[in-house]
Amino acid sequence: MPHSPEEKKRAVTRLRRIRGQAEALERAVEAGTDCGALLQQIAALRGAANGLMAEVLEGHLRETFGPSAVMPAAESELDTIMKILRTYLK
């Protein structure tokens, strides 16, 4: 769950974009749009959902493991983990 007002605003903005993509996909299906175009829209929708998931996951990990004065290398490790996860979620 995004905690800061800025994180919440970004999450809601992404959700609205995802909702718009889903509504456009629904209209395309109802209109009998070609499968290739539908697949492209589905891929875009999946990418948007995965982007939201990555953002929420990163916020959760940073809140859970946070900056540590005891282990300054942990921040770098968290950055590396998020880079790997974002690549996987694309």
PDB file of N, CA and C in Angstrom:
ATOM      1  N   MET A   1       0.840  -1.177   0.000  1.00  0.00           N
ATOM      2  CA  MET A   1       0.000   0.000   0.000  1.00  0.00           C
ATOM      3  C   MET A   1       0.883   1.236   0.000  1.00  0.00           C
ATOM      4  N   PRO A   2       0.690   2.120  -0.958  1.00  0.00           N
ATOM      5  CA  PRO A   2       1.450   3.376  -0.944  1.00  0.00           C
ATOM      6  C   PRO A   2       1.083   4.182   0.307  1.00  0.00           C
ATOM      7  N   HIS A   3       2.075   4.789   0.942  1.00  0.00           N
ATOM      8  CA  HIS A   3       1.815   5.465   2.206  1.00  0.00           C
ATOM      9  C   HIS A   3       1.854   6.988   2.110  1.00  0.00           C
ATOM     10  N   SER A   4       2.780   7.528   1.370  1.00  0.00           N
ATOM     11  CA  SER A   4       2.857   8.983   1.292  1.00  0.00           C
ATOM     12  C   SER A   4       1.795   9.494   0.320  1.00  0.00           C
ATOM     13  N   PRO A   5       1.380  10.739   0.470  1.00  0.00           N
ATOM     14  CA  PRO A   5       0.396  11.306  -0.459  1.00  0.00           C
ATOM     15  C   PRO A   5       0.876  11.256  -1.913  1.00  0.00           C
ATOM     16  N   GLU A   6       2.170  11.451  -2.120  1.00  0.00           N
ATOM     17  CA  GLU A   6       2.713  11.399  -3.480  1.00  0.00           C
ATOM     18  C   GLU A   6       2.632   9.984  -4.055  1.00  0.00           C
ATOM     19  N   GLU A   7       2.947   8.976  -3.241  1.00  0.00           N
ATOM     20  CA  GLU A   7       2.864   7.590  -3.691  1.00  0.00           C
ATOM     21  C   GLU A   7       1.422   7.205  -3.997  1.00  0.00           C
ATOM     22  N   LYS A   8       0.497   7.646  -3.153  1.00  0.00           N
ATOM     23  CA  LYS A   8      -0.920   7.351  -3.381  1.00  0.00           C
ATOM     24  C   LYS A   8      -1.403   7.992  -4.674  1.00  0.00           C
ATOM     25  N   LYS A   9      -0.995   9.239  -4.901  1.00  0.00           N
ATOM     26  CA  LYS A   9      -1.403   9.938  -6.115  1.00  0.00           C
ATOM     27  C   LYS A   9      -0.883   9.220  -7.358  1.00  0.00           C
ATOM     28  N   ARG A  10       0.394   8.780  -7.316  1.00  0.00           N
ATOM     29  CA  ARG A  10       0.969   8.046  -8.451  1.00  0.00           C
ATOM     30  C   ARG A  10       0.222   6.736  -8.687  1.00  0.00           C
ATOM     31  N   ALA A  11      -0.120   6.026  -7.605  1.00  0.00           N
ATOM     32  CA  ALA A  11      -0.828   4.753  -7.729  1.00  0.00           C
ATOM     33  C   ALA A  11      -2.219   4.973  -8.329  1.00  0.00           C
ATOM     34  N   VAL A  12      -2.929   5.975  -7.847  1.00  0.00           N
ATOM     35  CA  VAL A  12      -4.271   6.259  -8.364  1.00  0.00           C
ATOM     36  C   VAL A  12      -4.203   6.669  -9.832  1.00  0.00           C
ATOM     37  N   THR A  13      -3.207   7.463 -10.190  1.00  0.00           N
ATOM     38  CA  THR A  13      -3.029   7.866 -11.589  1.00  0.00           C
ATOM     39  C   THR A  13      -2.795   6.644 -12.465  1.00  0.00           C
ATOM     40  N   ARG A  14      -1.951   5.736 -12.006  1.00  0.00           N
ATOM     41  CA  ARG A  14      -1.698   4.505 -12.764  1.00  0.00           C
ATOM     42  C   ARG A  14      -2.968   3.675 -12.880  1.00  0.00           C
ATOM     43  N   LEU A  15      -3.711   3.568 -11.787  1.00  0.00           N
ATOM     44  CA  LEU A  15      -4.955   2.795 -11.814  1.00  0.00           C
ATOM     45  C   LEU A  15      -5.962   3.382 -12.793  1.00  0.00           C
ATOM     46  N   ARG A  16      -6.045   4.684 -12.855  1.00  0.00           N
ATOM     47  CA  ARG A  16      -6.961   5.322 -13.812  1.00  0.00           C
ATOM     48  C   ARG A  16      -6.530   5.051 -15.244  1.00  0.00           C
ATOM     49  N   ARG A  17      -5.223   5.053 -15.477  1.00  0.00           N
ATOM     50  CA  ARG A  17      -4.699   4.746 -16.811  1.00  0.00           C
ATOM     51  C   ARG A  17      -5.023   3.287 -17.165  1.00  0.00           C
ATOM     52  N   ILE A  18      -4.858   2.385 -16.201  1.00  0.00           N
ATOM     53  CA  ILE A  18      -5.163   0.973 -16.422  1.00  0.00           C
ATOM     54  C   ILE A  18      -6.654   0.797 -16.709  1.00  0.00           C
ATOM     55  N   ARG A  19      -7.495   1.506 -15.956  1.00  0.00           N
ATOM     56  CA  ARG A  19      -8.940   1.417 -16.181  1.00  0.00           C
ATOM     57  C   ARG A  19      -9.284   1.892 -17.589  1.00  0.00           C
ATOM     58  N   GLY A  20      -8.660   2.973 -18.032  1.00  0.00           N
ATOM     59  CA  GLY A  20      -8.890   3.473 -19.386  1.00  0.00           C
ATOM     60  C   GLY A  20      -8.458   2.463 -20.435  1.00  0.00           C
ATOM     61  N   GLN A  21      -7.326   1.807 -20.195  1.00  0.00           N
ATOM     62  CA  GLN A  21      -6.865   0.789 -21.130  1.00  0.00           C
ATOM     63  C   GLN A  21      -7.835  -0.394 -21.161  1.00  0.00           C
ATOM     64  N   ALA A  22      -8.330  -0.802 -20.001  1.00  0.00           N
ATOM     65  CA  ALA A  22      -9.275  -1.924 -19.940  1.00  0.00           C
ATOM     66  C   ALA A  22     -10.575  -1.570 -20.655  1.00  0.00           C
ATOM     67  N   GLU A  23     -11.052  -0.349 -20.479  1.00  0.00           N
ATOM     68  CA  GLU A  23     -12.280   0.076 -21.155  1.00  0.00           C
ATOM     69  C   GLU A  23     -12.074   0.126 -22.667  1.00  0.00           C
ATOM     70  N   ALA A  24     -10.915   0.589 -23.102  1.00  0.00           N
ATOM     71  CA  ALA A  24     -10.614   0.621 -24.537  1.00  0.00           C
ATOM     72  C   ALA A  24     -10.535  -0.792 -25.100  1.00  0.00           C
ATOM     73  N   LEU A  25      -9.970  -1.698 -24.326  1.00  0.00           N
ATOM     74  CA  LEU A  25      -9.885  -3.098 -24.754  1.00  0.00           C
ATOM     75  C   LEU A  25     -11.282  -3.705 -24.862  1.00  0.00           C
ATOM     76  N   GLU A  26     -12.141  -3.410 -23.915  1.00  0.00           N
ATOM     77  CA  GLU A  26     -13.516  -3.905 -23.958  1.00  0.00           C
ATOM     78  C   GLU A  26     -14.230  -3.398 -25.214  1.00  0.00           C
ATOM     79  N   ARG A  27     -14.070  -2.113 -25.503  1.00  0.00           N
ATOM     80  CA  ARG A  27     -14.693  -1.552 -26.704  1.00  0.00           C
ATOM     81  C   ARG A  27     -14.149  -2.215 -27.970  1.00  0.00           C
ATOM     82  N   ALA A  28     -12.852  -2.493 -27.983  1.00  0.00           N
ATOM     83  CA  ALA A  28     -12.225  -3.125 -29.144  1.00  0.00           C
ATOM     84  C   ALA A  28     -12.768  -4.537 -29.353  1.00  0.00           C
ATOM     85  N   VAL A  29     -12.948  -5.274 -28.257  1.00  0.00           N
ATOM     86  CA  VAL A  29     -13.499  -6.629 -28.362  1.00  0.00           C
ATOM     87  C   VAL A  29     -14.934  -6.566 -28.882  1.00  0.00           C
ATOM     88  N   GLU A  30     -15.724  -5.660 -28.336  1.00  0.00           N
ATOM     89  CA  GLU A  30     -17.110  -5.514 -28.776  1.00  0.00           C
ATOM     90  C   GLU A  30     -17.200  -5.114 -30.242  1.00  0.00           C
ATOM     91  N   ALA A  31     -16.223  -4.349 -30.714  1.00  0.00           N
ATOM     92  CA  ALA A  31     -16.225  -3.894 -32.106  1.00  0.00           C
ATOM     93  C   ALA A  31     -15.660  -4.941 -33.062  1.00  0.00           C
ATOM     94  N   GLY A  32     -15.143  -6.045 -32.516  1.00  0.00           N
ATOM     95  CA  GLY A  32     -14.603  -7.082 -33.369  1.00  0.00           C
ATOM     96  C   GLY A  32     -13.238  -6.742 -33.954  1.00  0.00           C
ATOM     97  N   THR A  33     -12.446  -6.023 -33.213  1.00  0.00           N
ATOM     98  CA  THR A  33     -11.114  -5.611 -33.657  1.00  0.00           C
ATOM     99  C   THR A  33     -10.246  -6.838 -33.932  1.00  0.00           C
ATOM    100  N   ASP A  34      -9.339  -6.696 -34.883  1.00  0.00           N
ATOM    101  CA  ASP A  34      -8.413  -7.743 -35.276  1.00  0.00           C
ATOM    102  C   ASP A  34      -7.617  -8.254 -34.073  1.00  0.00           C
ATOM    103  N   CYS A  35      -7.323  -9.541 -34.073  1.00  0.00           N
ATOM    104  CA  CYS A  35      -6.611 -10.171 -32.957  1.00  0.00           C
ATOM    105  C   CYS A  35      -5.248  -9.530 -32.696  1.00  0.00           C
ATOM    106  N   GLY A  36      -4.546  -9.160 -33.737  1.00  0.00           N
ATOM    107  CA  GLY A  36      -3.231  -8.554 -33.553  1.00  0.00           C
ATOM    108  C   GLY A  36      -3.310  -7.273 -32.753  1.00  0.00           C
ATOM    109  N   ALA A  37      -4.281  -6.450 -33.071  1.00  0.00           N
ATOM    110  CA  ALA A  37      -4.465  -5.195 -32.332  1.00  0.00           C
ATOM    111  C   ALA A  37      -4.898  -5.468 -30.893  1.00  0.00           C
ATOM    112  N   LEU A  38      -5.753  -6.477 -30.701  1.00  0.00           N
ATOM    113  CA  LEU A  38      -6.189  -6.826 -29.345  1.00  0.00           C
ATOM    114  C   LEU A  38      -4.998  -7.296 -28.507  1.00  0.00           C
ATOM    115  N   LEU A  39      -4.162  -8.128 -29.107  1.00  0.00           N
ATOM    116  CA  LEU A  39      -2.997  -8.624 -28.383  1.00  0.00           C
ATOM    117  C   LEU A  39      -2.071  -7.486 -27.977  1.00  0.00           C
ATOM    118  N   GLN A  40      -1.940  -6.513 -28.847  1.00  0.00           N
ATOM    119  CA  GLN A  40      -1.098  -5.361 -28.527  1.00  0.00           C
ATOM    120  C   GLN A  40      -1.689  -4.584 -27.344  1.00  0.00           C
ATOM    121  N   GLN A  41      -3.005  -4.397 -27.344  1.00  0.00           N
ATOM    122  CA  GLN A  41      -3.649  -3.691 -26.234  1.00  0.00           C
ATOM    123  C   GLN A  41      -3.546  -4.482 -24.937  1.00  0.00           C
ATOM    124  N   ILE A  42      -3.676  -5.800 -25.032  1.00  0.00           N
ATOM    125  CA  ILE A  42      -3.562  -6.645 -23.842  1.00  0.00           C
ATOM    126  C   ILE A  42      -2.148  -6.558 -23.272  1.00  0.00           C
ATOM    127  N   ALA A  43      -1.148  -6.565 -24.141  1.00  0.00           N
ATOM    128  CA  ALA A  43       0.242  -6.449 -23.687  1.00  0.00           C
ATOM    129  C   ALA A  43       0.475  -5.109 -22.998  1.00  0.00           C
ATOM    130  N   ALA A  44      -0.111  -4.050 -23.536  1.00  0.00           N
ATOM    131  CA  ALA A  44       0.030  -2.729 -22.917  1.00  0.00           C
ATOM    132  C   ALA A  44      -0.641  -2.704 -21.543  1.00  0.00           C
ATOM    133  N   LEU A  45      -1.800  -3.325 -21.431  1.00  0.00           N
ATOM    134  CA  LEU A  45      -2.521  -3.396 -20.165  1.00  0.00           C
ATOM    135  C   LEU A  45      -1.721  -4.200 -19.141  1.00  0.00           C
ATOM    136  N   ARG A  46      -1.165  -5.306 -19.574  1.00  0.00           N
ATOM    137  CA  ARG A  46      -0.346  -6.125 -18.690  1.00  0.00           C
ATOM    138  C   ARG A  46       0.885  -5.336 -18.218  1.00  0.00           C
ATOM    139  N   GLY A  47       1.512  -4.601 -19.131  1.00  0.00           N
ATOM    140  CA  GLY A  47       2.678  -3.792 -18.763  1.00  0.00           C
ATOM    141  C   GLY A  47       2.329  -2.726 -17.744  1.00  0.00           C
ATOM    142  N   ALA A  48       1.175  -2.103 -17.906  1.00  0.00           N
ATOM    143  CA  ALA A  48       0.742  -1.080 -16.956  1.00  0.00           C
ATOM    144  C   ALA A  48       0.479  -1.690 -15.580  1.00  0.00           C
ATOM    145  N   ALA A  49      -0.162  -2.860 -15.535  1.00  0.00           N
ATOM    146  CA  ALA A  49      -0.425  -3.530 -14.256  1.00  0.00           C
ATOM    147  C   ALA A  49       0.882  -3.966 -13.597  1.00  0.00           C
ATOM    148  N   ASN A  50       1.806  -4.466 -14.397  1.00  0.00           N
ATOM    149  CA  ASN A  50       3.102  -4.868 -13.846  1.00  0.00           C
ATOM    150  C   ASN A  50       3.892  -3.664 -13.333  1.00  0.00           C
ATOM    151  N   GLY A  51       3.779  -2.533 -14.008  1.00  0.00           N
ATOM    152  CA  GLY A  51       4.434  -1.318 -13.536  1.00  0.00           C
ATOM    153  C   GLY A  51       3.893  -0.884 -12.189  1.00  0.00           C
ATOM    154  N   LEU A  52       2.589  -0.966 -12.025  1.00  0.00           N
ATOM    155  CA  LEU A  52       1.973  -0.634 -10.740  1.00  0.00           C
ATOM    156  C   LEU A  52       2.440  -1.614  -9.664  1.00  0.00           C
ATOM    157  N   MET A  53       2.477  -2.892 -10.005  1.00  0.00           N
ATOM    158  CA  MET A  53       2.928  -3.897  -9.051  1.00  0.00           C
ATOM    159  C   MET A  53       4.364  -3.623  -8.616  1.00  0.00           C
ATOM    160  N   ALA A  54       5.226  -3.289  -9.555  1.00  0.00           N
ATOM    161  CA  ALA A  54       6.622  -3.005  -9.230  1.00  0.00           C
ATOM    162  C   ALA A  54       6.738  -1.794  -8.314  1.00  0.00           C
ATOM    163  N   GLU A  55       5.943  -0.779  -8.581  1.00  0.00           N
ATOM    164  CA  GLU A  55       5.998   0.430  -7.766  1.00  0.00           C
ATOM    165  C   GLU A  55       5.538   0.160  -6.337  1.00  0.00           C
ATOM    166  N   VAL A  56       4.442  -0.573  -6.181  1.00  0.00           N
ATOM    167  CA  VAL A  56       3.938  -0.892  -4.843  1.00  0.00           C
ATOM    168  C   VAL A  56       4.914  -1.822  -4.124  1.00  0.00           C
ATOM    169  N   LEU A  57       5.460  -2.791  -4.840  1.00  0.00           N
ATOM    170  CA  LEU A  57       6.429  -3.710  -4.246  1.00  0.00           C
ATOM    171  C   LEU A  57       7.673  -2.975  -3.776  1.00  0.00           C
ATOM    172  N   GLU A  58       8.162  -2.049  -4.586  1.00  0.00           N
ATOM    173  CA  GLU A  58       9.337  -1.284  -4.191  1.00  0.00           C
ATOM    174  C   GLU A  58       9.059  -0.464  -2.928  1.00  0.00           C
ATOM    175  N   GLY A  59       7.899   0.180  -2.878  1.00  0.00           N
ATOM    176  CA  GLY A  59       7.535   0.935  -1.682  1.00  0.00           C
ATOM    177  C   GLY A  59       7.472   0.047  -0.448  1.00  0.00           C
ATOM    178  N   HIS A  60       6.913  -1.136  -0.627  1.00  0.00           N
ATOM    179  CA  HIS A  60       6.808  -2.077   0.492  1.00  0.00           C
ATOM    180  C   HIS A  60       8.188  -2.518   0.971  1.00  0.00           C
ATOM    181  N   LEU A  61       9.056  -2.876   0.015  1.00  0.00           N
ATOM    182  CA  LEU A  61      10.396  -3.330   0.387  1.00  0.00           C
ATOM    183  C   LEU A  61      11.187  -2.219   1.067  1.00  0.00           C
ATOM    184  N   ARG A  62      11.078  -1.010   0.531  1.00  0.00           N
ATOM    185  CA  ARG A  62      11.833   0.101   1.122  1.00  0.00           C
ATOM    186  C   ARG A  62      11.296   0.433   2.519  1.00  0.00           C
ATOM    187  N   GLU A  63       9.994   0.294   2.713  1.00  0.00           N
ATOM    188  CA  GLU A  63       9.430   0.555   4.034  1.00  0.00           C
ATOM    189  C   GLU A  63       9.808  -0.555   5.008  1.00  0.00           C
ATOM    190  N   THR A  64       9.785  -1.787   4.534  1.00  0.00           N
ATOM    191  CA  THR A  64      10.095  -2.923   5.394  1.00  0.00           C
ATOM    192  C   THR A  64      11.566  -2.957   5.788  1.00  0.00           C
ATOM    193  N   PHE A  65      12.442  -2.763   4.790  1.00  0.00           N
ATOM    194  CA  PHE A  65      13.871  -2.890   5.054  1.00  0.00           C
ATOM    195  C   PHE A  65      14.552  -1.546   5.212  1.00  0.00           C
ATOM    196  N   GLY A  66      13.903  -0.477   4.767  1.00  0.00           N
ATOM    197  CA  GLY A  66      14.340   0.900   4.933  1.00  0.00           C
ATOM    198  C   GLY A  66      15.825   1.165   4.904  1.00  0.00           C
ATOM    199  N   PRO A  67      16.187   2.443   4.925  1.00  0.00           N
ATOM    200  CA  PRO A  67      17.606   2.774   4.988  1.00  0.00           C
ATOM    201  C   PRO A  67      18.168   2.345   6.342  1.00  0.00           C
ATOM    202  N   SER A  68      19.307   1.776   6.308  1.00  0.00           N
ATOM    203  CA  SER A  68      19.889   1.255   7.533  1.00  0.00           C
ATOM    204  C   SER A  68      21.259   1.869   7.774  1.00  0.00           C
ATOM    205  N   ALA A  69      21.427   2.502   8.911  1.00  0.00           N
ATOM    206  CA  ALA A  69      22.730   3.069   9.274  1.00  0.00           C
ATOM    207  C   ALA A  69      23.714   1.947   9.595  1.00  0.00           C
ATOM    208  N   VAL A  70      23.174   0.813  10.033  1.00  0.00           N
ATOM    209  CA  VAL A  70      24.023  -0.320  10.382  1.00  0.00           C
ATOM    210  C   VAL A  70      24.569  -0.999   9.131  1.00  0.00           C
ATOM    211  N   MET A  71      23.724  -1.080   8.086  1.00  0.00           N
ATOM    212  CA  MET A  71      24.116  -1.764   6.850  1.00  0.00           C
ATOM    213  C   MET A  71      23.873  -0.854   5.654  1.00  0.00           C
ATOM    214  N   PRO A  72      24.750   0.116   5.391  1.00  0.00           N
ATOM    215  CA  PRO A  72      24.537   1.022   4.261  1.00  0.00           C
ATOM    216  C   PRO A  72      24.508   0.304   2.915  1.00  0.00           C
ATOM    217  N   ALA A  73      25.130  -0.866   2.834  1.00  0.00           N
ATOM    218  CA  ALA A  73      25.130  -1.627   1.574  1.00  0.00           C
ATOM    219  C   ALA A  73      23.744  -2.190   1.271  1.00  0.00           C
ATOM    220  N   ALA A  74      22.884  -2.268   2.272  1.00  0.00           N
ATOM    221  CA  ALA A  74      21.547  -2.822   2.071  1.00  0.00           C
ATOM    222  C   ALA A  74      20.748  -1.992   1.059  1.00  0.00           C
ATOM    223  N   GLU A  75      20.927  -0.685   1.061  1.00  0.00           N
ATOM    224  CA  GLU A  75      20.214   0.191   0.111  1.00  0.00           C
ATOM    225  C   GLU A  75      20.617  -0.159  -1.319  1.00  0.00           C
ATOM    226  N   SER A  76      21.897  -0.374  -1.529  1.00  0.00           N
ATOM    227  CA  SER A  76      22.399  -0.752  -2.846  1.00  0.00           C
ATOM    228  C   SER A  76      21.856  -2.116  -3.253  1.00  0.00           C
ATOM    229  N   GLU A  77      21.792  -3.040  -2.306  1.00  0.00           N
ATOM    230  CA  GLU A  77      21.256  -4.371  -2.590  1.00  0.00           C
ATOM    231  C   GLU A  77      19.777  -4.285  -2.941  1.00  0.00           C
ATOM    232  N   LEU A  78      19.046  -3.436  -2.250  1.00  0.00           N
ATOM    233  CA  LEU A  78      17.628  -3.249  -2.536  1.00  0.00           C
ATOM    234  C   LEU A  78      17.442  -2.663  -3.934  1.00  0.00           C
ATOM    235  N   ASP A  79      18.296  -1.726  -4.316  1.00  0.00           N
ATOM    236  CA  ASP A  79      18.247  -1.168  -5.677  1.00  0.00           C
ATOM    237  C   ASP A  79      18.481  -2.261  -6.709  1.00  0.00           C
ATOM    238  N   THR A  80      19.432  -3.144  -6.445  1.00  0.00           N
ATOM    239  CA  THR A  80      19.736  -4.244  -7.362  1.00  0.00           C
ATOM    240  C   THR A  80      18.551  -5.197  -7.474  1.00  0.00           C
ATOM    241  N   ILE A  81      17.950  -5.535  -6.350  1.00  0.00           N
ATOM    242  CA  ILE A  81      16.786  -6.429  -6.355  1.00  0.00           C
ATOM    243  C   ILE A  81      15.644  -5.813  -7.150  1.00  0.00           C
ATOM    244  N   MET A  82      15.385  -4.524  -6.946  1.00  0.00           N
ATOM    245  CA  MET A  82      14.289  -3.866  -7.666  1.00  0.00           C
ATOM    246  C   MET A  82      14.578  -3.813  -9.164  1.00  0.00           C
ATOM    247  N   LYS A  83      15.815  -3.619  -9.542  1.00  0.00           N
ATOM    248  CA  LYS A  83      16.171  -3.605 -10.959  1.00  0.00           C
ATOM    249  C   LYS A  83      15.868  -4.964 -11.583  1.00  0.00           C
ATOM    250  N   ILE A  84      16.205  -6.023 -10.888  1.00  0.00           N
ATOM    251  CA  ILE A  84      15.938  -7.378 -11.385  1.00  0.00           C
ATOM    252  C   ILE A  84      14.431  -7.608 -11.480  1.00  0.00           C
ATOM    253  N   LEU A  85      13.697  -7.230 -10.444  1.00  0.00           N
ATOM    254  CA  LEU A  85      12.238  -7.439 -10.442  1.00  0.00           C
ATOM    255  C   LEU A  85      11.560  -6.642 -11.544  1.00  0.00           C
ATOM    256  N   ARG A  86      11.978  -5.398 -11.752  1.00  0.00           N
ATOM    257  CA  ARG A  86      11.376  -4.584 -12.815  1.00  0.00           C
ATOM    258  C   ARG A  86      11.641  -5.206 -14.187  1.00  0.00           C
ATOM    259  N   THR A  87      12.822  -5.766 -14.376  1.00  0.00           N
ATOM    260  CA  THR A  87      13.138  -6.439 -15.640  1.00  0.00           C
ATOM    261  C   THR A  87      12.229  -7.652 -15.811  1.00  0.00           C
ATOM    262  N   TYR A  88      12.045  -8.410 -14.760  1.00  0.00           N
ATOM    263  CA  TYR A  88      11.193  -9.605 -14.804  1.00  0.00           C
ATOM    264  C   TYR A  88       9.729  -9.245 -15.082  1.00  0.00           C
ATOM    265  N   LEU A  89       9.270  -8.141 -14.511  1.00  0.00           N
ATOM    266  CA  LEU A  89       7.856  -7.782 -14.625  1.00  0.00           C
ATOM    267  C   LEU A  89       7.513  -7.125 -15.964  1.00  0.00           C
ATOM    268  N   LYS A  90       8.504  -6.775 -16.757  1.00  0.00           N
ATOM    269  CA  LYS A  90       8.209  -6.141 -18.053  1.00  0.00           C
ATOM    270  C   LYS A  90       7.530  -7.088 -19.000  1.00  0.00           C
TER     271      LYS A  90
END
